[in-house]
């Protein structure tokens, strides 16, 4: 059994953009037979942000929601860690822009630490790990971890499978110190692994230092999202079983002891594989894909919030948070909630 951390989730929150986009509407817009988008993606509807719903505004709304659930306010925060694959702008960070939306500026007295994390779809879980370690080490008492994504800005609608898969949104969790007792809420284990042979399977090749407005790519579609879904599935299937065994052993628990599984909403095939591989009944796995799509790094915390808000995840329950990301990377946390 590995080390556990006296850190608990104090509250969760989420924000969904106002615009609901049905798969039937996407089929009509792109001249496809009705039912094509949902059949290929497993998504019936998703929410896409409008021009007024920026990454930082969505993040701030999710943080406010989580703070309310925790019975706290922005002034109670020691740090804000923001996760996203593509930020609102290259600089300053989403965390800075989110703090501004929250009204946290020099007039508030002591400054709040704020920084970004980019770990692709594992961004929230990576930020969760950093917050957990910081709180356990005594650096912070209360941290907001927020993921915010507008995936709809970089979709290639010639690729039905990927373009119909994604939704926008933001979700947050407030983490704080917990009593250090065996029966108290705590983070039981954290684990991350990366296999770089999957680096080309899921990417946005343009927009960085390689290809940009100064050095344009040979094909402008390099600025759009591209993935090899089957290749990702094959690599994940070869690495997930051993990874799960290690993270559960570190937590001193088994799959049978897990009350709720909160996965990244990777795809309908990915979620089906996960259920079959884990042998978990459907009611144990939080699945929002049909109504939310894959919200990139915001998927997992949105699913976590849904589990808490619906009462599926209650105090004293044991939860497995599990995600994957471009790379290929896999990450997990086991919590006594």
C-alpha atoms as a PDB file:
ATOM      1  CA  UNK A   1       0.000   0.000   0.000  1.00  0.00           C
ATOM      2  CA  UNK A   2       1.311   3.454  -0.915  1.00  0.00           C
ATOM      3  CA  UNK A   3       1.036   6.772   0.822  1.00  0.00           C
ATOM      4  CA  UNK A   4      -2.367   8.396   1.364  1.00  0.00           C
ATOM      5  CA  UNK A   5      -3.002  12.123   1.743  1.00  0.00           C
ATOM      6  CA  UNK A   6      -5.266  13.903   4.265  1.00  0.00           C
ATOM      7  CA  UNK A   7      -7.011  15.920   1.567  1.00  0.00           C
ATOM      8  CA  UNK A   8     -10.720  16.006   0.789  1.00  0.00           C
ATOM      9  CA  UNK A   9     -13.034  17.416  -1.864  1.00  0.00           C
ATOM     10  CA  UNK A  10     -14.972  20.222  -0.168  1.00  0.00           C
ATOM     11  CA  UNK A  11     -17.265  21.023  -3.086  1.00  0.00           C
ATOM     12  CA  UNK A  12     -17.708  20.618  -6.830  1.00  0.00           C
ATOM     13  CA  UNK A  13     -19.220  22.781  -9.555  1.00  0.00           C
ATOM     14  CA  UNK A  14     -19.706  22.906 -13.304  1.00  0.00           C
ATOM     15  CA  UNK A  15     -20.722  25.201 -16.144  1.00  0.00           C
ATOM     16  CA  UNK A  16     -22.356  24.151 -19.418  1.00  0.00           C
ATOM     17  CA  UNK A  17     -22.550  26.621 -22.315  1.00  0.00           C
ATOM     18  CA  UNK A  18     -26.029  27.834 -23.171  1.00  0.00           C
ATOM     19  CA  UNK A  19     -26.076  26.543 -26.740  1.00  0.00           C
ATOM     20  CA  UNK A  20     -27.184  22.918 -27.051  1.00  0.00           C
ATOM     21  CA  UNK A  21     -26.143  21.275 -30.328  1.00  0.00           C
ATOM     22  CA  UNK A  22     -27.999  18.135 -31.390  1.00  0.00           C
ATOM     23  CA  UNK A  23     -26.353  15.490 -33.550  1.00  0.00           C
ATOM     24  CA  UNK A  24     -29.352  15.645 -35.884  1.00  0.00           C
ATOM     25  CA  UNK A  25     -28.554  19.323 -36.486  1.00  0.00           C
ATOM     26  CA  UNK A  26     -24.921  18.493 -37.308  1.00  0.00           C
ATOM     27  CA  UNK A  27     -26.052  15.876 -39.810  1.00  0.00           C
ATOM     28  CA  UNK A  28     -28.346  18.382 -41.505  1.00  0.00           C
ATOM     29  CA  UNK A  29     -25.695  21.127 -41.524  1.00  0.00           C
ATOM     30  CA  UNK A  30     -23.053  18.912 -43.131  1.00  0.00           C
ATOM     31  CA  UNK A  31     -25.298  17.028 -45.542  1.00  0.00           C
ATOM     32  CA  UNK A  32     -25.122  13.643 -43.849  1.00  0.00           C
ATOM     33  CA  UNK A  33     -27.882  11.027 -43.483  1.00  0.00           C
ATOM     34  CA  UNK A  34     -29.856  11.506 -40.225  1.00  0.00           C
ATOM     35  CA  UNK A  35     -28.354   9.529 -37.355  1.00  0.00           C
ATOM     36  CA  UNK A  36     -24.807   9.499 -38.743  1.00  0.00           C
ATOM     37  CA  UNK A  37     -23.193  11.727 -36.103  1.00  0.00           C
ATOM     38  CA  UNK A  38     -24.732   9.940 -33.137  1.00  0.00           C
ATOM     39  CA  UNK A  39     -23.990   6.496 -34.548  1.00  0.00           C
ATOM     40  CA  UNK A  40     -20.337   7.383 -35.146  1.00  0.00           C
ATOM     41  CA  UNK A  41     -19.732   9.318 -31.914  1.00  0.00           C
ATOM     42  CA  UNK A  42     -22.230   7.999 -29.370  1.00  0.00           C
ATOM     43  CA  UNK A  43     -23.184  11.613 -28.623  1.00  0.00           C
ATOM     44  CA  UNK A  44     -26.799  12.754 -28.985  1.00  0.00           C
ATOM     45  CA  UNK A  45     -26.179  16.325 -27.856  1.00  0.00           C
ATOM     46  CA  UNK A  46     -23.380  18.516 -26.616  1.00  0.00           C
ATOM     47  CA  UNK A  47     -23.000  22.166 -25.550  1.00  0.00           C
ATOM     48  CA  UNK A  48     -20.847  24.593 -27.526  1.00  0.00           C
ATOM     49  CA  UNK A  49     -19.775  27.997 -26.243  1.00  0.00           C
ATOM     50  CA  UNK A  50     -20.806  31.239 -27.915  1.00  0.00           C
ATOM     51  CA  UNK A  51     -18.567  34.293 -28.288  1.00  0.00           C
ATOM     52  CA  UNK A  52     -19.467  35.623 -24.827  1.00  0.00           C
ATOM     53  CA  UNK A  53     -18.629  32.358 -23.054  1.00  0.00           C
ATOM     54  CA  UNK A  54     -14.853  32.548 -22.842  1.00  0.00           C
ATOM     55  CA  UNK A  55     -12.679  29.930 -21.186  1.00  0.00           C
ATOM     56  CA  UNK A  56     -12.057  32.146 -18.155  1.00  0.00           C
ATOM     57  CA  UNK A  57     -15.712  33.112 -17.729  1.00  0.00           C
ATOM     58  CA  UNK A  58     -16.765  29.481 -17.815  1.00  0.00           C
ATOM     59  CA  UNK A  59     -13.981  28.586 -15.375  1.00  0.00           C
ATOM     60  CA  UNK A  60     -14.999  31.340 -12.966  1.00  0.00           C
ATOM     61  CA  UNK A  61     -18.627  30.193 -13.079  1.00  0.00           C
ATOM     62  CA  UNK A  62     -17.592  26.627 -12.251  1.00  0.00           C
ATOM     63  CA  UNK A  63     -15.338  27.797  -9.395  1.00  0.00           C
ATOM     64  CA  UNK A  64     -18.142  29.930  -7.938  1.00  0.00           C
ATOM     65  CA  UNK A  65     -20.466  26.934  -8.092  1.00  0.00           C
ATOM     66  CA  UNK A  66     -17.917  24.749  -6.312  1.00  0.00           C
ATOM     67  CA  UNK A  67     -17.202  27.404  -3.672  1.00  0.00           C
ATOM     68  CA  UNK A  68     -20.924  27.707  -2.943  1.00  0.00           C
ATOM     69  CA  UNK A  69     -21.159  23.941  -2.502  1.00  0.00           C
ATOM     70  CA  UNK A  70     -18.200  24.100  -0.108  1.00  0.00           C
ATOM     71  CA  UNK A  71     -19.671  27.006   1.859  1.00  0.00           C
ATOM     72  CA  UNK A  72     -16.694  29.184   0.963  1.00  0.00           C
ATOM     73  CA  UNK A  73     -15.882  32.313  -1.026  1.00  0.00           C
ATOM     74  CA  UNK A  74     -13.025  33.364  -3.324  1.00  0.00           C
ATOM     75  CA  UNK A  75     -11.215  34.993  -0.398  1.00  0.00           C
ATOM     76  CA  UNK A  76     -10.834  31.556   1.215  1.00  0.00           C
ATOM     77  CA  UNK A  77      -8.662  30.268  -1.624  1.00  0.00           C
ATOM     78  CA  UNK A  78      -4.890  29.967  -1.375  1.00  0.00           C
ATOM     79  CA  UNK A  79      -4.429  28.903  -4.990  1.00  0.00           C
ATOM     80  CA  UNK A  80      -6.235  28.375  -8.285  1.00  0.00           C
ATOM     81  CA  UNK A  81      -4.864  25.740 -10.661  1.00  0.00           C
ATOM     82  CA  UNK A  82      -6.428  25.889 -14.119  1.00  0.00           C
ATOM     83  CA  UNK A  83      -6.283  23.078 -16.667  1.00  0.00           C
ATOM     84  CA  UNK A  84      -6.949  23.253 -20.392  1.00  0.00           C
ATOM     85  CA  UNK A  85      -5.585  21.880 -23.647  1.00  0.00           C
ATOM     86  CA  UNK A  86      -5.927  25.167 -25.536  1.00  0.00           C
ATOM     87  CA  UNK A  87      -6.009  28.274 -23.309  1.00  0.00           C
ATOM     88  CA  UNK A  88      -7.990  31.417 -23.934  1.00  0.00           C
ATOM     89  CA  UNK A  89      -4.767  33.076 -25.078  1.00  0.00           C
ATOM     90  CA  UNK A  90      -1.050  32.169 -24.906  1.00  0.00           C
ATOM     91  CA  UNK A  91      -0.465  34.601 -22.044  1.00  0.00           C
ATOM     92  CA  UNK A  92      -1.367  35.421 -19.371  1.00  0.00           C
ATOM     93  CA  UNK A  93      -2.627  32.078 -18.146  1.00  0.00           C
ATOM     94  CA  UNK A  94      -6.204  30.912 -17.804  1.00  0.00           C
ATOM     95  CA  UNK A  95      -5.659  30.976 -14.039  1.00  0.00           C
ATOM     96  CA  UNK A  96      -4.872  34.706 -14.145  1.00  0.00           C
ATOM     97  CA  UNK A  97      -7.879  35.434 -16.353  1.00  0.00           C
ATOM     98  CA  UNK A  98     -10.100  33.308 -14.120  1.00  0.00           C
ATOM     99  CA  UNK A  99      -8.908  35.146 -11.011  1.00  0.00           C
ATOM    100  CA  UNK A 100      -9.799  38.417 -12.727  1.00  0.00           C
ATOM    101  CA  UNK A 101     -13.288  37.102 -13.481  1.00  0.00           C
ATOM    102  CA  UNK A 102     -13.586  36.169  -9.802  1.00  0.00           C
ATOM    103  CA  UNK A 103     -12.631  39.703  -8.777  1.00  0.00           C
ATOM    104  CA  UNK A 104      -9.384  38.551  -7.174  1.00  0.00           C
ATOM    105  CA  UNK A 105      -6.972  41.433  -7.731  1.00  0.00           C
ATOM    106  CA  UNK A 106      -4.552  43.619  -5.757  1.00  0.00           C
ATOM    107  CA  UNK A 107      -7.418  45.277  -3.896  1.00  0.00           C
ATOM    108  CA  UNK A 108      -8.160  41.957  -2.166  1.00  0.00           C
ATOM    109  CA  UNK A 109      -5.024  42.043  -0.022  1.00  0.00           C
ATOM    110  CA  UNK A 110      -2.765  38.988  -0.056  1.00  0.00           C
ATOM    111  CA  UNK A 111      -2.330  37.561  -3.542  1.00  0.00           C
ATOM    112  CA  UNK A 112      -3.666  34.158  -4.523  1.00  0.00           C
ATOM    113  CA  UNK A 113      -1.303  31.805  -6.313  1.00  0.00           C
ATOM    114  CA  UNK A 114      -2.515  30.955  -9.808  1.00  0.00           C
ATOM    115  CA  UNK A 115      -1.030  28.883 -12.605  1.00  0.00           C
ATOM    116  CA  UNK A 116      -2.003  26.604 -15.479  1.00  0.00           C
ATOM    117  CA  UNK A 117      -1.523  22.911 -16.195  1.00  0.00           C
ATOM    118  CA  UNK A 118      -1.661  21.350 -19.653  1.00  0.00           C
ATOM    119  CA  UNK A 119      -1.750  17.565 -19.616  1.00  0.00           C
ATOM    120  CA  UNK A 120      -4.273  17.177 -22.428  1.00  0.00           C
ATOM    121  CA  UNK A 121      -7.408  15.346 -21.246  1.00  0.00           C
ATOM    122  CA  UNK A 122      -5.670  14.523 -17.942  1.00  0.00           C
ATOM    123  CA  UNK A 123      -5.270  18.206 -17.070  1.00  0.00           C
ATOM    124  CA  UNK A 124      -7.812  18.214 -14.250  1.00  0.00           C
ATOM    125  CA  UNK A 125      -6.436  15.070 -12.654  1.00  0.00           C
ATOM    126  CA  UNK A 126      -2.869  16.400 -12.919  1.00  0.00           C
ATOM    127  CA  UNK A 127      -3.940  19.675 -11.302  1.00  0.00           C
ATOM    128  CA  UNK A 128      -5.783  17.621  -8.673  1.00  0.00           C
ATOM    129  CA  UNK A 129      -2.534  15.792  -7.908  1.00  0.00           C
ATOM    130  CA  UNK A 130      -0.563  19.045  -7.576  1.00  0.00           C
ATOM    131  CA  UNK A 131      -3.203  20.511  -5.268  1.00  0.00           C
ATOM    132  CA  UNK A 132      -3.258  17.343  -3.169  1.00  0.00           C
ATOM    133  CA  UNK A 133       0.517  17.289  -2.770  1.00  0.00           C
ATOM    134  CA  UNK A 134       0.621  21.007  -1.974  1.00  0.00           C
ATOM    135  CA  UNK A 135      -2.064  20.750   0.690  1.00  0.00           C
ATOM    136  CA  UNK A 136      -0.514  17.626   2.209  1.00  0.00           C
ATOM    137  CA  UNK A 137       2.870  19.390   2.360  1.00  0.00           C
ATOM    138  CA  UNK A 138       1.375  22.389   4.169  1.00  0.00           C
ATOM    139  CA  UNK A 139       1.872  24.846   1.318  1.00  0.00           C
ATOM    140  CA  UNK A 140      -1.861  25.550   0.901  1.00  0.00           C
ATOM    141  CA  UNK A 141      -5.017  24.982   2.914  1.00  0.00           C
ATOM    142  CA  UNK A 142      -7.675  25.452   0.234  1.00  0.00           C
ATOM    143  CA  UNK A 143      -7.234  25.134  -3.536  1.00  0.00           C
ATOM    144  CA  UNK A 144      -9.589  25.481  -6.492  1.00  0.00           C
ATOM    145  CA  UNK A 145      -8.841  23.079  -9.333  1.00  0.00           C
ATOM    146  CA  UNK A 146     -10.703  23.984 -12.516  1.00  0.00           C
ATOM    147  CA  UNK A 147     -10.712  22.645 -16.074  1.00  0.00           C
ATOM    148  CA  UNK A 148     -12.180  24.718 -18.887  1.00  0.00           C
ATOM    149  CA  UNK A 149     -12.379  23.798 -22.564  1.00  0.00           C
ATOM    150  CA  UNK A 150     -13.777  25.135 -25.829  1.00  0.00           C
ATOM    151  CA  UNK A 151     -13.041  22.190 -28.103  1.00  0.00           C
ATOM    152  CA  UNK A 152     -15.594  23.351 -30.672  1.00  0.00           C
ATOM    153  CA  UNK A 153     -13.139  25.961 -31.990  1.00  0.00           C
ATOM    154  CA  UNK A 154     -10.767  23.355 -33.500  1.00  0.00           C
ATOM    155  CA  UNK A 155     -12.924  20.618 -35.018  1.00  0.00           C
ATOM    156  CA  UNK A 156     -12.509  19.141 -38.483  1.00  0.00           C
ATOM    157  CA  UNK A 157     -16.081  18.480 -39.606  1.00  0.00           C
ATOM    158  CA  UNK A 158     -14.870  16.257 -42.440  1.00  0.00           C
ATOM    159  CA  UNK A 159     -14.070  13.734 -39.715  1.00  0.00           C
ATOM    160  CA  UNK A 160     -17.482  12.790 -38.314  1.00  0.00           C
ATOM    161  CA  UNK A 161     -16.175  10.592 -35.507  1.00  0.00           C
ATOM    162  CA  UNK A 162     -14.047  13.288 -33.879  1.00  0.00           C
ATOM    163  CA  UNK A 163     -16.033  16.427 -34.740  1.00  0.00           C
ATOM    164  CA  UNK A 164     -19.298  15.050 -33.349  1.00  0.00           C
ATOM    165  CA  UNK A 165     -17.583  13.714 -30.233  1.00  0.00           C
ATOM    166  CA  UNK A 166     -16.613  16.935 -28.485  1.00  0.00           C
ATOM    167  CA  UNK A 167     -18.436  19.358 -26.233  1.00  0.00           C
ATOM    168  CA  UNK A 168     -17.437  22.501 -24.349  1.00  0.00           C
ATOM    169  CA  UNK A 169     -17.671  23.323 -20.657  1.00  0.00           C
ATOM    170  CA  UNK A 170     -15.898  23.851 -17.361  1.00  0.00           C
ATOM    171  CA  UNK A 171     -15.870  22.086 -14.012  1.00  0.00           C
ATOM    172  CA  UNK A 172     -14.132  22.640 -10.696  1.00  0.00           C
ATOM    173  CA  UNK A 173     -13.407  21.077  -7.339  1.00  0.00           C
ATOM    174  CA  UNK A 174     -12.382  22.768  -4.098  1.00  0.00           C
ATOM    175  CA  UNK A 175      -9.791  20.755  -2.195  1.00  0.00           C
ATOM    176  CA  UNK A 176      -8.929  21.238   1.455  1.00  0.00           C
ATOM    177  CA  UNK A 177      -7.175  19.635   4.374  1.00  0.00           C
ATOM    178  CA  UNK A 178      -8.933  16.686   6.008  1.00  0.00           C
ATOM    179  CA  UNK A 179      -8.509  15.045   9.426  1.00  0.00           C
ATOM    180  CA  UNK A 180      -5.733  12.467   9.270  1.00  0.00           C
ATOM    181  CA  UNK A 181      -7.658   9.413  10.420  1.00  0.00           C
ATOM    182  CA  UNK A 182      -8.153   6.001   8.869  1.00  0.00           C
ATOM    183  CA  UNK A 183     -11.911   6.502   8.446  1.00  0.00           C
ATOM    184  CA  UNK A 184     -11.750  10.135   7.327  1.00  0.00           C
ATOM    185  CA  UNK A 185     -12.012  11.425   3.738  1.00  0.00           C
ATOM    186  CA  UNK A 186      -8.657  11.308   2.021  1.00  0.00           C
ATOM    187  CA  UNK A 187      -6.843  10.701  -1.240  1.00  0.00           C
ATOM    188  CA  UNK A 188      -5.791   7.063  -1.050  1.00  0.00           C
ATOM    189  CA  UNK A 189      -3.576   6.922  -4.138  1.00  0.00           C
ATOM    190  CA  UNK A 190      -2.411   8.874  -7.189  1.00  0.00           C
ATOM    191  CA  UNK A 191      -0.656   7.476 -10.242  1.00  0.00           C
ATOM    192  CA  UNK A 192       0.285   8.677 -13.741  1.00  0.00           C
ATOM    193  CA  UNK A 193       2.115   6.927 -16.584  1.00  0.00           C
ATOM    194  CA  UNK A 194       3.008   8.036 -20.133  1.00  0.00           C
ATOM    195  CA  UNK A 195       3.964   6.000 -23.201  1.00  0.00           C
ATOM    196  CA  UNK A 196       5.292   8.309 -25.911  1.00  0.00           C
ATOM    197  CA  UNK A 197       4.756   5.816 -28.739  1.00  0.00           C
ATOM    198  CA  UNK A 198       1.231   7.241 -28.833  1.00  0.00           C
ATOM    199  CA  UNK A 199       2.395  10.818 -29.457  1.00  0.00           C
ATOM    200  CA  UNK A 200       1.076  10.955 -33.029  1.00  0.00           C
ATOM    201  CA  UNK A 201      -2.252   9.254 -32.346  1.00  0.00           C
ATOM    202  CA  UNK A 202      -4.044  12.315 -30.994  1.00  0.00           C
ATOM    203  CA  UNK A 203      -2.858  15.837 -31.767  1.00  0.00           C
ATOM    204  CA  UNK A 204      -3.312  19.396 -32.918  1.00  0.00           C
ATOM    205  CA  UNK A 205      -0.060  19.818 -34.834  1.00  0.00           C
ATOM    206  CA  UNK A 206      -0.323  23.538 -35.602  1.00  0.00           C
ATOM    207  CA  UNK A 207      -0.525  26.602 -33.403  1.00  0.00           C
ATOM    208  CA  UNK A 208       2.711  26.213 -31.460  1.00  0.00           C
ATOM    209  CA  UNK A 209       6.357  26.917 -32.255  1.00  0.00           C
ATOM    210  CA  UNK A 210       6.466  24.318 -35.036  1.00  0.00           C
ATOM    211  CA  UNK A 211       3.685  25.729 -37.238  1.00  0.00           C
ATOM    212  CA  UNK A 212       2.089  29.108 -36.661  1.00  0.00           C
ATOM    213  CA  UNK A 213       1.169  32.405 -38.365  1.00  0.00           C
ATOM    214  CA  UNK A 214       4.865  33.105 -39.042  1.00  0.00           C
ATOM    215  CA  UNK A 215       5.682  29.577 -40.232  1.00  0.00           C
ATOM    216  CA  UNK A 216       2.419  28.231 -41.676  1.00  0.00           C
ATOM    217  CA  UNK A 217       1.878  24.486 -42.001  1.00  0.00           C
ATOM    218  CA  UNK A 218       1.701  22.899 -45.462  1.00  0.00           C
ATOM    219  CA  UNK A 219      -1.949  22.044 -44.757  1.00  0.00           C
ATOM    220  CA  UNK A 220      -4.113  24.463 -42.720  1.00  0.00           C
ATOM    221  CA  UNK A 221      -5.930  21.477 -41.242  1.00  0.00           C
ATOM    222  CA  UNK A 222      -2.877  21.114 -38.985  1.00  0.00           C
ATOM    223  CA  UNK A 223      -4.635  23.668 -36.777  1.00  0.00           C
ATOM    224  CA  UNK A 224      -7.542  21.246 -36.285  1.00  0.00           C
ATOM    225  CA  UNK A 225      -7.882  18.251 -33.990  1.00  0.00           C
ATOM    226  CA  UNK A 226      -6.929  14.855 -35.426  1.00  0.00           C
ATOM    227  CA  UNK A 227      -6.964  11.415 -33.843  1.00  0.00           C
ATOM    228  CA  UNK A 228      -6.544   7.739 -34.623  1.00  0.00           C
ATOM    229  CA  UNK A 229      -9.267   6.353 -32.381  1.00  0.00           C
ATOM    230  CA  UNK A 230      -8.499   2.702 -33.087  1.00  0.00           C
ATOM    231  CA  UNK A 231      -4.786   3.201 -32.474  1.00  0.00           C
ATOM    232  CA  UNK A 232      -5.494   4.887 -29.147  1.00  0.00           C
ATOM    233  CA  UNK A 233      -7.809   2.054 -28.100  1.00  0.00           C
ATOM    234  CA  UNK A 234      -5.192  -0.590 -28.938  1.00  0.00           C
ATOM    235  CA  UNK A 235      -2.454   1.174 -26.972  1.00  0.00           C
ATOM    236  CA  UNK A 236      -4.739   1.854 -23.999  1.00  0.00           C
ATOM    237  CA  UNK A 237      -5.943  -1.751 -23.945  1.00  0.00           C
ATOM    238  CA  UNK A 238      -2.357  -2.938 -23.686  1.00  0.00           C
ATOM    239  CA  UNK A 239      -1.421  -0.642 -20.815  1.00  0.00           C
ATOM    240  CA  UNK A 240      -4.579  -0.141 -18.726  1.00  0.00           C
ATOM    241  CA  UNK A 241      -4.822  -3.519 -16.925  1.00  0.00           C
ATOM    242  CA  UNK A 242      -1.372  -3.337 -15.317  1.00  0.00           C
ATOM    243  CA  UNK A 243      -1.842   0.353 -14.532  1.00  0.00           C
ATOM    244  CA  UNK A 244      -5.129  -0.294 -12.725  1.00  0.00           C
ATOM    245  CA  UNK A 245      -3.595  -3.088 -10.690  1.00  0.00           C
ATOM    246  CA  UNK A 246      -0.849  -0.742  -9.489  1.00  0.00           C
ATOM    247  CA  UNK A 247      -3.078   2.203  -8.553  1.00  0.00           C
ATOM    248  CA  UNK A 248      -5.529  -0.030  -6.661  1.00  0.00           C
ATOM    249  CA  UNK A 249      -2.680  -1.791  -4.834  1.00  0.00           C
ATOM    250  CA  UNK A 250      -1.285   1.601  -3.812  1.00  0.00           C
ATOM    251  CA  UNK A 251      -4.699   2.463  -2.366  1.00  0.00           C
ATOM    252  CA  UNK A 252      -4.921  -0.857  -0.542  1.00  0.00           C
ATOM    253  CA  UNK A 253      -8.231  -1.628  -2.211  1.00  0.00           C
ATOM    254  CA  UNK A 254      -9.801  -3.670  -5.001  1.00  0.00           C
ATOM    255  CA  UNK A 255     -12.280  -2.953  -7.770  1.00  0.00           C
ATOM    256  CA  UNK A 256     -14.957  -4.676  -5.712  1.00  0.00           C
ATOM    257  CA  UNK A 257     -14.479  -2.031  -3.003  1.00  0.00           C
ATOM    258  CA  UNK A 258     -14.949   0.901  -5.405  1.00  0.00           C
ATOM    259  CA  UNK A 259     -18.418   2.450  -5.072  1.00  0.00           C
ATOM    260  CA  UNK A 260     -18.279   4.858  -8.020  1.00  0.00           C
ATOM    261  CA  UNK A 261     -16.021   4.987 -11.087  1.00  0.00           C
ATOM    262  CA  UNK A 262     -15.622   8.495 -12.536  1.00  0.00           C
ATOM    263  CA  UNK A 263     -13.901   8.218 -15.928  1.00  0.00           C
ATOM    264  CA  UNK A 264     -12.832  10.707 -18.536  1.00  0.00           C
ATOM    265  CA  UNK A 265     -15.600  10.631 -21.144  1.00  0.00           C
ATOM    266  CA  UNK A 266     -13.217   9.527 -23.867  1.00  0.00           C
ATOM    267  CA  UNK A 267     -15.632   7.909 -26.370  1.00  0.00           C
ATOM    268  CA  UNK A 268     -18.503   5.426 -26.457  1.00  0.00           C
ATOM    269  CA  UNK A 269     -16.089   2.635 -27.416  1.00  0.00           C
ATOM    270  CA  UNK A 270     -13.648   3.644 -24.687  1.00  0.00           C
ATOM    271  CA  UNK A 271     -16.333   3.699 -22.005  1.00  0.00           C
ATOM    272  CA  UNK A 272     -17.706   0.354 -23.164  1.00  0.00           C
ATOM    273  CA  UNK A 273     -14.221  -1.167 -23.037  1.00  0.00           C
ATOM    274  CA  UNK A 274     -13.725   0.253 -19.546  1.00  0.00           C
ATOM    275  CA  UNK A 275     -16.967  -1.257 -18.254  1.00  0.00           C
ATOM    276  CA  UNK A 276     -16.176  -4.623 -19.806  1.00  0.00           C
ATOM    277  CA  UNK A 277     -12.543  -4.615 -18.640  1.00  0.00           C
ATOM    278  CA  UNK A 278     -13.494  -3.680 -15.092  1.00  0.00           C
ATOM    279  CA  UNK A 279     -16.542  -5.919 -15.035  1.00  0.00           C
ATOM    280  CA  UNK A 280     -18.390  -2.986 -13.503  1.00  0.00           C
ATOM    281  CA  UNK A 281     -22.176  -2.660 -13.650  1.00  0.00           C
ATOM    282  CA  UNK A 282     -23.393   0.352 -15.612  1.00  0.00           C
ATOM    283  CA  UNK A 283     -24.781   2.019 -12.494  1.00  0.00           C
ATOM    284  CA  UNK A 284     -21.284   2.140 -11.000  1.00  0.00           C
ATOM    285  CA  UNK A 285     -19.740   4.056 -13.922  1.00  0.00           C
ATOM    286  CA  UNK A 286     -20.586   7.727 -14.483  1.00  0.00           C
ATOM    287  CA  UNK A 287     -21.364   8.059 -18.201  1.00  0.00           C
ATOM    288  CA  UNK A 288     -22.335  11.509 -19.527  1.00  0.00           C
ATOM    289  CA  UNK A 289     -21.099  11.028 -23.071  1.00  0.00           C
ATOM    290  CA  UNK A 290     -24.506  10.935 -24.762  1.00  0.00           C
ATOM    291  CA  UNK A 291     -25.540  14.329 -23.358  1.00  0.00           C
ATOM    292  CA  UNK A 292     -22.202  16.126 -22.926  1.00  0.00           C
ATOM    293  CA  UNK A 293     -19.740  14.609 -25.370  1.00  0.00           C
ATOM    294  CA  UNK A 294     -16.028  14.551 -24.628  1.00  0.00           C
ATOM    295  CA  UNK A 295     -15.215  17.871 -22.924  1.00  0.00           C
ATOM    296  CA  UNK A 296     -11.474  17.207 -22.989  1.00  0.00           C
ATOM    297  CA  UNK A 297      -9.940  18.038 -19.567  1.00  0.00           C
ATOM    298  CA  UNK A 298     -13.336  19.243 -18.289  1.00  0.00           C
ATOM    299  CA  UNK A 299     -14.936  15.817 -18.868  1.00  0.00           C
ATOM    300  CA  UNK A 300     -13.725  14.084 -15.730  1.00  0.00           C
ATOM    301  CA  UNK A 301     -14.555  16.903 -13.282  1.00  0.00           C
ATOM    302  CA  UNK A 302     -17.963  17.376 -14.935  1.00  0.00           C
ATOM    303  CA  UNK A 303     -18.637  13.679 -14.351  1.00  0.00           C
ATOM    304  CA  UNK A 304     -17.387  14.036 -10.766  1.00  0.00           C
ATOM    305  CA  UNK A 305     -19.733  16.963 -10.170  1.00  0.00           C
ATOM    306  CA  UNK A 306     -22.650  15.050 -11.690  1.00  0.00           C
ATOM    307  CA  UNK A 307     -21.959  12.099  -9.391  1.00  0.00           C
ATOM    308  CA  UNK A 308     -21.894  14.346  -6.320  1.00  0.00           C
ATOM    309  CA  UNK A 309     -24.893  16.484  -7.319  1.00  0.00           C
ATOM    310  CA  UNK A 310     -27.042  13.436  -8.095  1.00  0.00           C
ATOM    311  CA  UNK A 311     -26.158  11.670  -4.852  1.00  0.00           C
ATOM    312  CA  UNK A 312     -24.398   8.788  -6.602  1.00  0.00           C
ATOM    313  CA  UNK A 313     -21.182   9.714  -4.774  1.00  0.00           C
ATOM    314  CA  UNK A 314     -21.716  10.285  -1.048  1.00  0.00           C
ATOM    315  CA  UNK A 315     -19.492  10.935   1.938  1.00  0.00           C
ATOM    316  CA  UNK A 316     -17.724   7.760   2.947  1.00  0.00           C
ATOM    317  CA  UNK A 317     -17.873   6.247  -0.544  1.00  0.00           C
ATOM    318  CA  UNK A 318     -14.721   5.163  -2.340  1.00  0.00           C
ATOM    319  CA  UNK A 319     -14.301   6.575  -5.842  1.00  0.00           C
ATOM    320  CA  UNK A 320     -11.909   5.810  -8.676  1.00  0.00           C
ATOM    321  CA  UNK A 321     -11.138   8.796 -10.902  1.00  0.00           C
ATOM    322  CA  UNK A 322      -9.622   7.487 -14.126  1.00  0.00           C
ATOM    323  CA  UNK A 323      -8.519   9.236 -17.292  1.00  0.00           C
ATOM    324  CA  UNK A 324      -6.394   9.052 -20.399  1.00  0.00           C
ATOM    325  CA  UNK A 325      -4.777  11.703 -22.559  1.00  0.00           C
ATOM    326  CA  UNK A 326      -2.816  12.298 -25.733  1.00  0.00           C
ATOM    327  CA  UNK A 327       0.648  10.855 -25.401  1.00  0.00           C
ATOM    328  CA  UNK A 328      -0.578   8.206 -24.490  1.00  0.00           C
ATOM    329  CA  UNK A 329      -0.946   9.016 -20.797  1.00  0.00           C
ATOM    330  CA  UNK A 330      -3.117   7.378 -18.156  1.00  0.00           C
ATOM    331  CA  UNK A 331      -3.835   8.774 -14.706  1.00  0.00           C
ATOM    332  CA  UNK A 332      -5.954   7.816 -11.724  1.00  0.00           C
ATOM    333  CA  UNK A 333      -6.829   8.776  -8.186  1.00  0.00           C
ATOM    334  CA  UNK A 334      -8.604   6.727  -5.548  1.00  0.00           C
ATOM    335  CA  UNK A 335     -10.544   8.792  -3.011  1.00  0.00           C
ATOM    336  CA  UNK A 336     -12.416   8.076   0.164  1.00  0.00           C
ATOM    337  CA  UNK A 337     -14.966  10.786  -0.441  1.00  0.00           C
END
